Amino acid sequence: MASEYGRKKFIAIEDGYWRSDQSWSELLLRIKAQGLQRSHWLAIGDGALGFWKALSKVFPETIHQRCWVHKTSNALNNLPKLVKVAWHKIWIAPIKEDAYKTFEVATQTYSENCQRRWNA
């Protein structure tokens, strides 16, 4: 959970089945019974479908948002390795200028590869 000031704190940690809406429902209902009565405006999570189903049942007013790190990772899994390597280099660039340079090189390299494949 995070406050309006961005301060984060754990409200629960326990074992469960991440795809199971029953496991998530039990956890959310327990948290609700312990005092989390107000539904929060936004929940951010990975692709655990059980969480989203349970959240809709227990806190129906809460808006769902997919974690952008997980979303990006899933998208990259469907791209050629060359693009994934370039993306990682951009991601870990120590300064913005290095990221821009890496982006330009990656764009040029990927464009040339696509042209070669297209013309072959």
PDB file of N, CA and C in Angstrom:
ATOM      1  N   MET A   1       0.844  -1.157   0.000  1.00  0.00           N
ATOM      2  CA  MET A   1       0.000   0.000   0.000  1.00  0.00           C
ATOM      3  C   MET A   1       0.900   1.234   0.000  1.00  0.00           C
ATOM      4  N   ALA A   2       0.464   2.282  -0.686  1.00  0.00           N
ATOM      5  CA  ALA A   2       1.230   3.525  -0.712  1.00  0.00           C
ATOM      6  C   ALA A   2       0.316   4.693  -0.349  1.00  0.00           C
ATOM      7  N   SER A   3       0.853   5.628   0.392  1.00  0.00           N
ATOM      8  CA  SER A   3       0.076   6.808   0.768  1.00  0.00           C
ATOM      9  C   SER A   3       0.046   7.798  -0.387  1.00  0.00           C
ATOM     10  N   GLU A   4      -0.716   8.855  -0.222  1.00  0.00           N
ATOM     11  CA  GLU A   4      -0.774   9.894  -1.251  1.00  0.00           C
ATOM     12  C   GLU A   4       0.573  10.597  -1.421  1.00  0.00           C
ATOM     13  N   TYR A   5       1.484  10.397  -0.469  1.00  0.00           N
ATOM     14  CA  TYR A   5       2.813  10.988  -0.533  1.00  0.00           C
ATOM     15  C   TYR A   5       3.847  10.012  -1.096  1.00  0.00           C
ATOM     16  N   GLY A   6       3.394   8.821  -1.525  1.00  0.00           N
ATOM     17  CA  GLY A   6       4.287   7.833  -2.105  1.00  0.00           C
ATOM     18  C   GLY A   6       4.971   6.929  -1.099  1.00  0.00           C
ATOM     19  N   ARG A   7       4.634   7.072   0.171  1.00  0.00           N
ATOM     20  CA  ARG A   7       5.241   6.223   1.200  1.00  0.00           C
ATOM     21  C   ARG A   7       4.584   4.848   1.173  1.00  0.00           C
ATOM     22  N   LYS A   8       5.399   3.801   1.058  1.00  0.00           N
ATOM     23  CA  LYS A   8       4.887   2.444   0.913  1.00  0.00           C
ATOM     24  C   LYS A   8       5.008   1.679   2.214  1.00  0.00           C
ATOM     25  N   LYS A   9       4.022   0.798   2.455  1.00  0.00           N
ATOM     26  CA  LYS A   9       4.133  -0.107   3.587  1.00  0.00           C
ATOM     27  C   LYS A   9       3.402  -1.405   3.269  1.00  0.00           C
ATOM     28  N   PHE A  10       3.942  -2.495   3.826  1.00  0.00           N
ATOM     29  CA  PHE A  10       3.321  -3.800   3.631  1.00  0.00           C
ATOM     30  C   PHE A  10       2.061  -3.891   4.473  1.00  0.00           C
ATOM     31  N   ILE A  11       1.037  -4.485   3.892  1.00  0.00           N
ATOM     32  CA  ILE A  11      -0.168  -4.730   4.677  1.00  0.00           C
ATOM     33  C   ILE A  11      -0.416  -6.225   4.828  1.00  0.00           C
ATOM     34  N   ALA A  12       0.272  -7.037   4.003  1.00  0.00           N
ATOM     35  CA  ALA A  12       0.144  -8.494   4.147  1.00  0.00           C
ATOM     36  C   ALA A  12       1.210  -9.190   3.315  1.00  0.00           C
ATOM     37  N   ILE A  13       1.732 -10.261   3.865  1.00  0.00           N
ATOM     38  CA  ILE A  13       2.634 -11.152   3.131  1.00  0.00           C
ATOM     39  C   ILE A  13       2.283 -12.564   3.588  1.00  0.00           C
ATOM     40  N   GLU A  14       1.896 -13.392   2.630  1.00  0.00           N
ATOM     41  CA  GLU A  14       1.610 -14.780   2.973  1.00  0.00           C
ATOM     42  C   GLU A  14       1.619 -15.650   1.734  1.00  0.00           C
ATOM     43  N   ASP A  15       1.724 -16.958   1.942  1.00  0.00           N
ATOM     44  CA  ASP A  15       1.703 -17.910   0.835  1.00  0.00           C
ATOM     45  C   ASP A  15       0.298 -18.021   0.270  1.00  0.00           C
ATOM     46  N   GLY A  16       0.240 -18.356  -0.987  1.00  0.00           N
ATOM     47  CA  GLY A  16      -1.042 -18.589  -1.637  1.00  0.00           C
ATOM     48  C   GLY A  16      -0.802 -18.981  -3.079  1.00  0.00           C
ATOM     49  N   TYR A  17      -1.857 -19.249  -3.784  1.00  0.00           N
ATOM     50  CA  TYR A  17      -1.776 -19.583  -5.196  1.00  0.00           C
ATOM     51  C   TYR A  17      -2.087 -18.327  -5.995  1.00  0.00           C
ATOM     52  N   TRP A  18      -1.086 -17.840  -6.739  1.00  0.00           N
ATOM     53  CA  TRP A  18      -1.210 -16.532  -7.380  1.00  0.00           C
ATOM     54  C   TRP A  18      -2.297 -16.492  -8.432  1.00  0.00           C
ATOM     55  N   ARG A  19      -2.667 -17.604  -9.021  1.00  0.00           N
ATOM     56  CA  ARG A  19      -3.737 -17.609 -10.021  1.00  0.00           C
ATOM     57  C   ARG A  19      -5.115 -17.824  -9.406  1.00  0.00           C
ATOM     58  N   SER A  20      -5.154 -18.139  -8.146  1.00  0.00           N
ATOM     59  CA  SER A  20      -6.404 -18.493  -7.492  1.00  0.00           C
ATOM     60  C   SER A  20      -7.126 -17.271  -6.945  1.00  0.00           C
ATOM     61  N   ASP A  21      -8.323 -17.014  -7.471  1.00  0.00           N
ATOM     62  CA  ASP A  21      -9.085 -15.888  -6.921  1.00  0.00           C
ATOM     63  C   ASP A  21      -9.549 -16.202  -5.506  1.00  0.00           C
ATOM     64  N   GLN A  22      -9.681 -17.481  -5.157  1.00  0.00           N
ATOM     65  CA  GLN A  22     -10.058 -17.839  -3.787  1.00  0.00           C
ATOM     66  C   GLN A  22      -8.954 -17.448  -2.808  1.00  0.00           C
ATOM     67  N   SER A  23      -7.681 -17.746  -3.143  1.00  0.00           N
ATOM     68  CA  SER A  23      -6.564 -17.357  -2.270  1.00  0.00           C
ATOM     69  C   SER A  23      -6.520 -15.849  -2.095  1.00  0.00           C
ATOM     70  N   TRP A  24      -6.663 -15.122  -3.202  1.00  0.00           N
ATOM     71  CA  TRP A  24      -6.620 -13.660  -3.147  1.00  0.00           C
ATOM     72  C   TRP A  24      -7.820 -13.103  -2.388  1.00  0.00           C
ATOM     73  N   SER A  25      -8.992 -13.694  -2.599  1.00  0.00           N
ATOM     74  CA  SER A  25     -10.196 -13.227  -1.886  1.00  0.00           C
ATOM     75  C   SER A  25     -10.021 -13.381  -0.383  1.00  0.00           C
ATOM     76  N   GLU A  26      -9.502 -14.540   0.043  1.00  0.00           N
ATOM     77  CA  GLU A  26      -9.275 -14.772   1.475  1.00  0.00           C
ATOM     78  C   GLU A  26      -8.336 -13.721   2.047  1.00  0.00           C
ATOM     79  N   LEU A  27      -7.259 -13.428   1.320  1.00  0.00           N
ATOM     80  CA  LEU A  27      -6.302 -12.428   1.780  1.00  0.00           C
ATOM     81  C   LEU A  27      -6.951 -11.047   1.857  1.00  0.00           C
ATOM     82  N   LEU A  28      -7.630 -10.636   0.807  1.00  0.00           N
ATOM     83  CA  LEU A  28      -8.256  -9.304   0.781  1.00  0.00           C
ATOM     84  C   LEU A  28      -9.349  -9.174   1.838  1.00  0.00           C
ATOM     85  N   LEU A  29     -10.128 -10.231   2.036  1.00  0.00           N
ATOM     86  CA  LEU A  29     -11.173 -10.188   3.073  1.00  0.00           C
ATOM     87  C   LEU A  29     -10.561 -10.102   4.471  1.00  0.00           C
ATOM     88  N   ARG A  30      -9.439 -10.798   4.676  1.00  0.00           N
ATOM     89  CA  ARG A  30      -8.751 -10.729   5.972  1.00  0.00           C
ATOM     90  C   ARG A  30      -8.215  -9.310   6.215  1.00  0.00           C
ATOM     91  N   ILE A  31      -7.644  -8.714   5.189  1.00  0.00           N
ATOM     92  CA  ILE A  31      -7.140  -7.343   5.309  1.00  0.00           C
ATOM     93  C   ILE A  31      -8.290  -6.383   5.589  1.00  0.00           C
ATOM     94  N   LYS A  32      -9.391  -6.598   4.906  1.00  0.00           N
ATOM     95  CA  LYS A  32     -10.565  -5.745   5.105  1.00  0.00           C
ATOM     96  C   LYS A  32     -11.079  -5.884   6.544  1.00  0.00           C
ATOM     97  N   ALA A  33     -11.112  -7.113   7.051  1.00  0.00           N
ATOM     98  CA  ALA A  33     -11.582  -7.356   8.420  1.00  0.00           C
ATOM     99  C   ALA A  33     -10.639  -6.740   9.457  1.00  0.00           C
ATOM    100  N   GLN A  34      -9.370  -6.587   9.096  1.00  0.00           N
ATOM    101  CA  GLN A  34      -8.394  -6.012  10.022  1.00  0.00           C
ATOM    102  C   GLN A  34      -8.385  -4.486   9.998  1.00  0.00           C
ATOM    103  N   GLY A  35      -9.259  -3.903   9.177  1.00  0.00           N
ATOM    104  CA  GLY A  35      -9.374  -2.450   9.238  1.00  0.00           C
ATOM    105  C   GLY A  35      -9.281  -1.702   7.922  1.00  0.00           C
ATOM    106  N   LEU A  36      -8.935  -2.369   6.840  1.00  0.00           N
ATOM    107  CA  LEU A  36      -8.872  -1.679   5.553  1.00  0.00           C
ATOM    108  C   LEU A  36     -10.288  -1.624   4.974  1.00  0.00           C
ATOM    109  N   GLN A  37     -11.095  -0.722   5.507  1.00  0.00           N
ATOM    110  CA  GLN A  37     -12.494  -0.636   5.111  1.00  0.00           C
ATOM    111  C   GLN A  37     -12.701   0.178   3.843  1.00  0.00           C
ATOM    112  N   ARG A  38     -11.846   1.146   3.643  1.00  0.00           N
ATOM    113  CA  ARG A  38     -12.002   2.025   2.491  1.00  0.00           C
ATOM    114  C   ARG A  38     -11.321   1.404   1.277  1.00  0.00           C
ATOM    115  N   SER A  39     -12.031   1.355   0.175  1.00  0.00           N
ATOM    116  CA  SER A  39     -11.437   0.874  -1.059  1.00  0.00           C
ATOM    117  C   SER A  39     -10.462   1.918  -1.582  1.00  0.00           C
ATOM    118  N   HIS A  40      -9.334   1.480  -2.048  1.00  0.00           N
ATOM    119  CA  HIS A  40      -8.352   2.408  -2.602  1.00  0.00           C
ATOM    120  C   HIS A  40      -8.683   2.681  -4.059  1.00  0.00           C
ATOM    121  N   TRP A  41      -8.219   3.792  -4.554  1.00  0.00           N
ATOM    122  CA  TRP A  41      -8.568   4.217  -5.904  1.00  0.00           C
ATOM    123  C   TRP A  41      -7.948   3.364  -6.981  1.00  0.00           C
ATOM    124  N   LEU A  42      -6.759   2.845  -6.728  1.00  0.00           N
ATOM    125  CA  LEU A  42      -6.003   2.165  -7.771  1.00  0.00           C
ATOM    126  C   LEU A  42      -5.225   0.990  -7.200  1.00  0.00           C
ATOM    127  N   ALA A  43      -5.275  -0.139  -7.907  1.00  0.00           N
ATOM    128  CA  ALA A  43      -4.450  -1.298  -7.559  1.00  0.00           C
ATOM    129  C   ALA A  43      -3.560  -1.599  -8.761  1.00  0.00           C
ATOM    130  N   ILE A  44      -2.280  -1.789  -8.507  1.00  0.00           N
ATOM    131  CA  ILE A  44      -1.325  -2.093  -9.567  1.00  0.00           C
ATOM    132  C   ILE A  44      -0.766  -3.482  -9.293  1.00  0.00           C
ATOM    133  N   GLY A  45      -0.782  -4.329 -10.302  1.00  0.00           N
ATOM    134  CA  GLY A  45      -0.281  -5.681 -10.117  1.00  0.00           C
ATOM    135  C   GLY A  45       0.181  -6.301 -11.415  1.00  0.00           C
ATOM    136  N   ASP A  46       0.748  -7.496 -11.295  1.00  0.00           N
ATOM    137  CA  ASP A  46       1.202  -8.214 -12.484  1.00  0.00           C
ATOM    138  C   ASP A  46       0.017  -8.919 -13.131  1.00  0.00           C
ATOM    139  N   GLY A  47       0.269  -9.948 -13.884  1.00  0.00           N
ATOM    140  CA  GLY A  47      -0.796 -10.619 -14.613  1.00  0.00           C
ATOM    141  C   GLY A  47      -1.535 -11.684 -13.826  1.00  0.00           C
ATOM    142  N   ALA A  48      -1.441 -11.675 -12.512  1.00  0.00           N
ATOM    143  CA  ALA A  48      -2.118 -12.684 -11.687  1.00  0.00           C
ATOM    144  C   ALA A  48      -3.625 -12.493 -11.776  1.00  0.00           C
ATOM    145  N   LEU A  49      -4.262 -13.280 -12.623  1.00  0.00           N
ATOM    146  CA  LEU A  49      -5.694 -13.098 -12.878  1.00  0.00           C
ATOM    147  C   LEU A  49      -6.538 -13.296 -11.627  1.00  0.00           C
ATOM    148  N   GLY A  50      -6.100 -14.165 -10.739  1.00  0.00           N
ATOM    149  CA  GLY A  50      -6.842 -14.391  -9.507  1.00  0.00           C
ATOM    150  C   GLY A  50      -6.949 -13.129  -8.666  1.00  0.00           C
ATOM    151  N   PHE A  51      -5.883 -12.330  -8.652  1.00  0.00           N
ATOM    152  CA  PHE A  51      -5.896 -11.079  -7.893  1.00  0.00           C
ATOM    153  C   PHE A  51      -6.963 -10.139  -8.418  1.00  0.00           C
ATOM    154  N   TRP A  52      -7.033  -9.982  -9.727  1.00  0.00           N
ATOM    155  CA  TRP A  52      -7.990  -9.037 -10.315  1.00  0.00           C
ATOM    156  C   TRP A  52      -9.431  -9.481 -10.067  1.00  0.00           C
ATOM    157  N   LYS A  53      -9.694 -10.790 -10.173  1.00  0.00           N
ATOM    158  CA  LYS A  53     -11.049 -11.291  -9.899  1.00  0.00           C
ATOM    159  C   LYS A  53     -11.439 -11.046  -8.443  1.00  0.00           C
ATOM    160  N   ALA A  54     -10.525 -11.354  -7.536  1.00  0.00           N
ATOM    161  CA  ALA A  54     -10.798 -11.173  -6.106  1.00  0.00           C
ATOM    162  C   ALA A  54     -10.972  -9.700  -5.770  1.00  0.00           C
ATOM    163  N   LEU A  55     -10.140  -8.852  -6.331  1.00  0.00           N
ATOM    164  CA  LEU A  55     -10.232  -7.421  -6.068  1.00  0.00           C
ATOM    165  C   LEU A  55     -11.583  -6.877  -6.503  1.00  0.00           C
ATOM    166  N   SER A  56     -12.080  -7.348  -7.643  1.00  0.00           N
ATOM    167  CA  SER A  56     -13.392  -6.902  -8.129  1.00  0.00           C
ATOM    168  C   SER A  56     -14.514  -7.301  -7.180  1.00  0.00           C
ATOM    169  N   LYS A  57     -14.354  -8.448  -6.528  1.00  0.00           N
ATOM    170  CA  LYS A  57     -15.376  -8.904  -5.573  1.00  0.00           C
ATOM    171  C   LYS A  57     -15.303  -8.131  -4.252  1.00  0.00           C
ATOM    172  N   VAL A  58     -14.088  -7.995  -3.723  1.00  0.00           N
ATOM    173  CA  VAL A  58     -13.918  -7.430  -2.384  1.00  0.00           C
ATOM    174  C   VAL A  58     -13.932  -5.898  -2.398  1.00  0.00           C
ATOM    175  N   PHE A  59     -13.281  -5.305  -3.366  1.00  0.00           N
ATOM    176  CA  PHE A  59     -13.221  -3.842  -3.500  1.00  0.00           C
ATOM    177  C   PHE A  59     -13.625  -3.461  -4.933  1.00  0.00           C
ATOM    178  N   PRO A  60     -14.910  -3.537  -5.258  1.00  0.00           N
ATOM    179  CA  PRO A  60     -15.345  -3.340  -6.651  1.00  0.00           C
ATOM    180  C   PRO A  60     -15.085  -1.944  -7.220  1.00  0.00           C
ATOM    181  N   GLU A  61     -14.890  -0.944  -6.370  1.00  0.00           N
ATOM    182  CA  GLU A  61     -14.683   0.421  -6.867  1.00  0.00           C
ATOM    183  C   GLU A  61     -13.234   0.671  -7.306  1.00  0.00           C
ATOM    184  N   THR A  62     -12.338  -0.229  -6.943  1.00  0.00           N
ATOM    185  CA  THR A  62     -10.918  -0.026  -7.205  1.00  0.00           C
ATOM    186  C   THR A  62     -10.608  -0.181  -8.692  1.00  0.00           C
ATOM    187  N   ILE A  63      -9.831   0.751  -9.228  1.00  0.00           N
ATOM    188  CA  ILE A  63      -9.395   0.706 -10.613  1.00  0.00           C
ATOM    189  C   ILE A  63      -8.198  -0.235 -10.716  1.00  0.00           C
ATOM    190  N   HIS A  64      -8.160  -1.032 -11.783  1.00  0.00           N
ATOM    191  CA  HIS A  64      -7.067  -1.974 -12.008  1.00  0.00           C
ATOM    192  C   HIS A  64      -6.072  -1.364 -12.985  1.00  0.00           C
ATOM    193  N   GLN A  65      -4.781  -1.516 -12.667  1.00  0.00           N
ATOM    194  CA  GLN A  65      -3.733  -1.076 -13.595  1.00  0.00           C
ATOM    195  C   GLN A  65      -2.649  -2.129 -13.641  1.00  0.00           C
ATOM    196  N   ARG A  66      -2.272  -2.530 -14.823  1.00  0.00           N
ATOM    197  CA  ARG A  66      -1.217  -3.519 -14.996  1.00  0.00           C
ATOM    198  C   ARG A  66       0.137  -2.875 -14.742  1.00  0.00           C
ATOM    199  N   CYS A  67       0.995  -3.545 -14.018  1.00  0.00           N
ATOM    200  CA  CYS A  67       2.350  -3.071 -13.736  1.00  0.00           C
ATOM    201  C   CYS A  67       3.101  -2.900 -15.052  1.00  0.00           C
ATOM    202  N   TRP A  68       3.654  -1.718 -15.288  1.00  0.00           N
ATOM    203  CA  TRP A  68       4.298  -1.460 -16.579  1.00  0.00           C
ATOM    204  C   TRP A  68       5.578  -2.263 -16.750  1.00  0.00           C
ATOM    205  N   VAL A  69       6.235  -2.640 -15.677  1.00  0.00           N
ATOM    206  CA  VAL A  69       7.437  -3.470 -15.806  1.00  0.00           C
ATOM    207  C   VAL A  69       7.056  -4.850 -16.325  1.00  0.00           C
ATOM    208  N   HIS A  70       6.007  -5.439 -15.754  1.00  0.00           N
ATOM    209  CA  HIS A  70       5.554  -6.751 -16.219  1.00  0.00           C
ATOM    210  C   HIS A  70       5.001  -6.669 -17.643  1.00  0.00           C
ATOM    211  N   LYS A  71       4.278  -5.622 -17.931  1.00  0.00           N
ATOM    212  CA  LYS A  71       3.705  -5.444 -19.262  1.00  0.00           C
ATOM    213  C   LYS A  71       4.816  -5.332 -20.304  1.00  0.00           C
ATOM    214  N   THR A  72       5.849  -4.541 -20.006  1.00  0.00           N
ATOM    215  CA  THR A  72       6.979  -4.380 -20.918  1.00  0.00           C
ATOM    216  C   THR A  72       7.710  -5.708 -21.098  1.00  0.00           C
ATOM    217  N   SER A  73       7.919  -6.416 -20.004  1.00  0.00           N
ATOM    218  CA  SER A  73       8.601  -7.710 -20.064  1.00  0.00           C
ATOM    219  C   SER A  73       7.839  -8.689 -20.953  1.00  0.00           C
ATOM    220  N   ASN A  74       6.527  -8.740 -20.802  1.00  0.00           N
ATOM    221  CA  ASN A  74       5.721  -9.635 -21.627  1.00  0.00           C
ATOM    222  C   ASN A  74       5.777  -9.244 -23.098  1.00  0.00           C
ATOM    223  N   ALA A  75       5.765  -7.952 -23.383  1.00  0.00           N
ATOM    224  CA  ALA A  75       5.857  -7.496 -24.774  1.00  0.00           C
ATOM    225  C   ALA A  75       7.214  -7.862 -25.365  1.00  0.00           C
ATOM    226  N   LEU A  76       8.287  -7.671 -24.594  1.00  0.00           N
ATOM    227  CA  LEU A  76       9.628  -7.989 -25.080  1.00  0.00           C
ATOM    228  C   LEU A  76       9.811  -9.470 -25.371  1.00  0.00           C
ATOM    229  N   ASN A  77       9.076 -10.324 -24.668  1.00  0.00           N
ATOM    230  CA  ASN A  77       9.174 -11.764 -24.906  1.00  0.00           C
ATOM    231  C   ASN A  77       8.701 -12.144 -26.308  1.00  0.00           C
ATOM    232  N   ASN A  78       7.959 -11.265 -26.956  1.00  0.00           N
ATOM    233  CA  ASN A  78       7.456 -11.540 -28.300  1.00  0.00           C
ATOM    234  C   ASN A  78       8.259 -10.834 -29.389  1.00  0.00           C
ATOM    235  N   LEU A  79       9.380 -10.220 -29.024  1.00  0.00           N
ATOM    236  CA  LEU A  79      10.217  -9.507 -29.973  1.00  0.00           C
ATOM    237  C   LEU A  79      11.515 -10.267 -30.222  1.00  0.00           C
ATOM    238  N   PRO A  80      12.190  -9.983 -31.342  1.00  0.00           N
ATOM    239  CA  PRO A  80      13.479 -10.641 -31.602  1.00  0.00           C
ATOM    240  C   PRO A  80      14.496 -10.330 -30.513  1.00  0.00           C
ATOM    241  N   LYS A  81      15.445 -11.250 -30.333  1.00  0.00           N
ATOM    242  CA  LYS A  81      16.449 -11.100 -29.287  1.00  0.00           C
ATOM    243  C   LYS A  81      17.224  -9.792 -29.437  1.00  0.00           C
ATOM    244  N   LEU A  82      17.508  -9.379 -30.657  1.00  0.00           N
ATOM    245  CA  LEU A  82      18.233  -8.139 -30.908  1.00  0.00           C
ATOM    246  C   LEU A  82      17.547  -6.951 -30.248  1.00  0.00           C
ATOM    247  N   VAL A  83      16.231  -6.917 -30.326  1.00  0.00           N
ATOM    248  CA  VAL A  83      15.473  -5.815 -29.730  1.00  0.00           C
ATOM    249  C   VAL A  83      15.515  -5.909 -28.206  1.00  0.00           C
ATOM    250  N   LYS A  84      15.399  -7.108 -27.666  1.00  0.00           N
ATOM    251  CA  LYS A  84      15.446  -7.270 -26.211  1.00  0.00           C
ATOM    252  C   LYS A  84      16.795  -6.846 -25.643  1.00  0.00           C
ATOM    253  N   VAL A  85      17.878  -7.209 -26.326  1.00  0.00           N
ATOM    254  CA  VAL A  85      19.219  -6.824 -25.873  1.00  0.00           C
ATOM    255  C   VAL A  85      19.352  -5.303 -25.899  1.00  0.00           C
ATOM    256  N   ALA A  86      18.893  -4.693 -26.989  1.00  0.00           N
ATOM    257  CA  ALA A  86      18.975  -3.226 -27.105  1.00  0.00           C
ATOM    258  C   ALA A  86      18.145  -2.552 -26.023  1.00  0.00           C
ATOM    259  N   TRP A  87      16.944  -3.049 -25.806  1.00  0.00           N
ATOM    260  CA  TRP A  87      16.073  -2.463 -24.781  1.00  0.00           C
ATOM    261  C   TRP A  87      16.752  -2.517 -23.415  1.00  0.00           C
ATOM    262  N   HIS A  88      17.383  -3.639 -23.116  1.00  0.00           N
ATOM    263  CA  HIS A  88      18.067  -3.778 -21.824  1.00  0.00           C
ATOM    264  C   HIS A  88      19.202  -2.754 -21.704  1.00  0.00           C
ATOM    265  N   LYS A  89      19.955  -2.561 -22.784  1.00  0.00           N
ATOM    266  CA  LYS A  89      21.049  -1.582 -22.754  1.00  0.00           C
ATOM    267  C   LYS A  89      20.504  -0.169 -22.534  1.00  0.00           C
ATOM    268  N   ILE A  90      19.399   0.130 -23.159  1.00  0.00           N
ATOM    269  CA  ILE A  90      18.769   1.446 -22.966  1.00  0.00           C
ATOM    270  C   ILE A  90      18.332   1.579 -21.512  1.00  0.00           C
ATOM    271  N   TRP A  91      17.708   0.535 -20.990  1.00  0.00           N
ATOM    272  CA  TRP A  91      17.166   0.524 -19.632  1.00  0.00           C
ATOM    273  C   TRP A  91      18.250   0.785 -18.585  1.00  0.00           C
ATOM    274  N   ILE A  92      19.441   0.195 -18.788  1.00  0.00           N
ATOM    275  CA  ILE A  92      20.491   0.303 -17.767  1.00  0.00           C
ATOM    276  C   ILE A  92      21.500   1.416 -18.055  1.00  0.00           C
ATOM    277  N   ALA A  93      21.256   2.209 -19.080  1.00  0.00           N
ATOM    278  CA  ALA A  93      22.186   3.295 -19.409  1.00  0.00           C
ATOM    279  C   ALA A  93      22.361   4.210 -18.193  1.00  0.00           C
ATOM    280  N   PRO A  94      23.609   4.561 -17.872  1.00  0.00           N
ATOM    281  CA  PRO A  94      23.856   5.368 -16.674  1.00  0.00           C
ATOM    282  C   PRO A  94      23.360   6.809 -16.784  1.00  0.00           C
ATOM    283  N   ILE A  95      23.347   7.343 -18.005  1.00  0.00           N
ATOM    284  CA  ILE A  95      22.853   8.711 -18.188  1.00  0.00           C
ATOM    285  C   ILE A  95      21.956   8.763 -19.420  1.00  0.00           C
ATOM    286  N   LYS A  96      21.119   9.780 -19.473  1.00  0.00           N
ATOM    287  CA  LYS A  96      20.133   9.914 -20.527  1.00  0.00           C
ATOM    288  C   LYS A  96      20.771   9.933 -21.926  1.00  0.00           C
ATOM    289  N   GLU A  97      21.894  10.616 -22.063  1.00  0.00           N
ATOM    290  CA  GLU A  97      22.561  10.714 -23.363  1.00  0.00           C
ATOM    291  C   GLU A  97      22.978   9.330 -23.872  1.00  0.00           C
ATOM    292  N   ASP A  98      23.472   8.470 -22.968  1.00  0.00           N
ATOM    293  CA  ASP A  98      23.836   7.104 -23.355  1.00  0.00           C
ATOM    294  C   ASP A  98      22.611   6.322 -23.811  1.00  0.00           C
ATOM    295  N   ALA A  99      21.502   6.527 -23.139  1.00  0.00           N
ATOM    296  CA  ALA A  99      20.266   5.845 -23.524  1.00  0.00           C
ATOM    297  C   ALA A  99      19.839   6.279 -24.922  1.00  0.00           C
ATOM    298  N   TYR A 100      19.917   7.586 -25.207  1.00  0.00           N
ATOM    299  CA  TYR A 100      19.555   8.084 -26.539  1.00  0.00           C
ATOM    300  C   TYR A 100      20.477   7.519 -27.620  1.00  0.00           C
ATOM    301  N   LYS A 101      21.782   7.480 -27.343  1.00  0.00           N
ATOM    302  CA  LYS A 101      22.736   6.929 -28.313  1.00  0.00           C
ATOM    303  C   LYS A 101      22.427   5.455 -28.579  1.00  0.00           C
ATOM    304  N   THR A 102      22.190   4.699 -27.513  1.00  0.00           N
ATOM    305  CA  THR A 102      21.877   3.278 -27.648  1.00  0.00           C
ATOM    306  C   THR A 102      20.589   3.089 -28.438  1.00  0.00           C
ATOM    307  N   PHE A 103      19.616   3.940 -28.194  1.00  0.00           N
ATOM    308  CA  PHE A 103      18.353   3.873 -28.931  1.00  0.00           C
ATOM    309  C   PHE A 103      18.590   4.089 -30.428  1.00  0.00           C
ATOM    310  N   GLU A 104      19.395   5.081 -30.762  1.00  0.00           N
ATOM    311  CA  GLU A 104      19.678   5.375 -32.178  1.00  0.00           C
ATOM    312  C   GLU A 104      20.376   4.194 -32.855  1.00  0.00           C
ATOM    313  N   VAL A 105      21.386   3.639 -32.183  1.00  0.00           N
ATOM    314  CA  VAL A 105      22.110   2.486 -32.741  1.00  0.00           C
ATOM    315  C   VAL A 105      21.160   1.303 -32.908  1.00  0.00           C
ATOM    316  N   ALA A 106      20.339   1.045 -31.894  1.00  0.00           N
ATOM    317  CA  ALA A 106      19.402  -0.081 -31.947  1.00  0.00           C
ATOM    318  C   ALA A 106      18.385   0.100 -33.073  1.00  0.00           C
ATOM    319  N   THR A 107      17.877   1.307 -33.220  1.00  0.00           N
ATOM    320  CA  THR A 107      16.902   1.585 -34.276  1.00  0.00           C
ATOM    321  C   THR A 107      17.529   1.361 -35.646  1.00  0.00           C
ATOM    322  N   GLN A 108      18.736   1.866 -35.845  1.00  0.00           N
ATOM    323  CA  GLN A 108      19.436   1.703 -37.122  1.00  0.00           C
ATOM    324  C   GLN A 108      19.711   0.230 -37.404  1.00  0.00           C
ATOM    325  N   THR A 109      20.231  -0.479 -36.399  1.00  0.00           N
ATOM    326  CA  THR A 109      20.567  -1.893 -36.564  1.00  0.00           C
ATOM    327  C   THR A 109      19.327  -2.715 -36.871  1.00  0.00           C
ATOM    328  N   TYR A 110      18.256  -2.479 -36.132  1.00  0.00           N
ATOM    329  CA  TYR A 110      17.033  -3.247 -36.342  1.00  0.00           C
ATOM    330  C   TYR A 110      16.436  -2.931 -37.710  1.00  0.00           C
ATOM    331  N   SER A 111      16.485  -1.677 -38.138  1.00  0.00           N
ATOM    332  CA  SER A 111      15.967  -1.293 -39.459  1.00  0.00           C
ATOM    333  C   SER A 111      16.753  -1.989 -40.564  1.00  0.00           C
ATOM    334  N   GLU A 112      18.079  -2.016 -40.416  1.00  0.00           N
ATOM    335  CA  GLU A 112      18.914  -2.690 -41.421  1.00  0.00           C
ATOM    336  C   GLU A 112      18.617  -4.183 -41.471  1.00  0.00           C
ATOM    337  N   ASN A 113      18.449  -4.805 -40.316  1.00  0.00           N
ATOM    338  CA  ASN A 113      18.103  -6.233 -40.265  1.00  0.00           C
ATOM    339  C   ASN A 113      16.771  -6.496 -40.950  1.00  0.00           C
ATOM    340  N   CYS A 114      15.785  -5.650 -40.693  1.00  0.00           N
ATOM    341  CA  CYS A 114      14.462  -5.811 -41.308  1.00  0.00           C
ATOM    342  C   CYS A 114      14.561  -5.662 -42.833  1.00  0.00           C
ATOM    343  N   GLN A 115      15.351  -4.660 -43.289  1.00  0.00           N
ATOM    344  CA  GLN A 115      15.519  -4.450 -44.732  1.00  0.00           C
ATOM    345  C   GLN A 115      16.161  -5.680 -45.386  1.00  0.00           C
ATOM    346  N   ARG A 116      17.200  -6.241 -44.757  1.00  0.00           N
ATOM    347  CA  ARG A 116      17.869  -7.428 -45.312  1.00  0.00           C
ATOM    348  C   ARG A 116      16.884  -8.592 -45.411  1.00  0.00           C
ATOM    349  N   ARG A 117      16.110  -8.802 -44.370  1.00  0.00           N
ATOM    350  CA  ARG A 117      15.138  -9.916 -44.386  1.00  0.00           C
ATOM    351  C   ARG A 117      14.063  -9.683 -45.436  1.00  0.00           C
ATOM    352  N   TRP A 118      13.631  -8.446 -45.537  1.00  0.00           N
ATOM    353  CA  TRP A 118      12.552  -8.108 -46.484  1.00  0.00           C
ATOM    354  C   TRP A 118      13.015  -8.299 -47.917  1.00  0.00           C
ATOM    355  N   ASN A 119      14.262  -7.927 -48.211  1.00  0.00           N
ATOM    356  CA  ASN A 119      14.804  -7.990 -49.573  1.00  0.00           C
ATOM    357  C   ASN A 119      15.352  -9.378 -49.925  1.00  0.00           C
ATOM    358  N   ALA A 120      15.460 -10.260 -48.956  1.00  0.00           N
ATOM    359  CA  ALA A 120      16.042 -11.593 -49.211  1.00  0.00           C
ATOM    360  C   ALA A 120      15.082 -12.487 -49.968  1.00  0.00           C
TER     361      ALA A 120
END
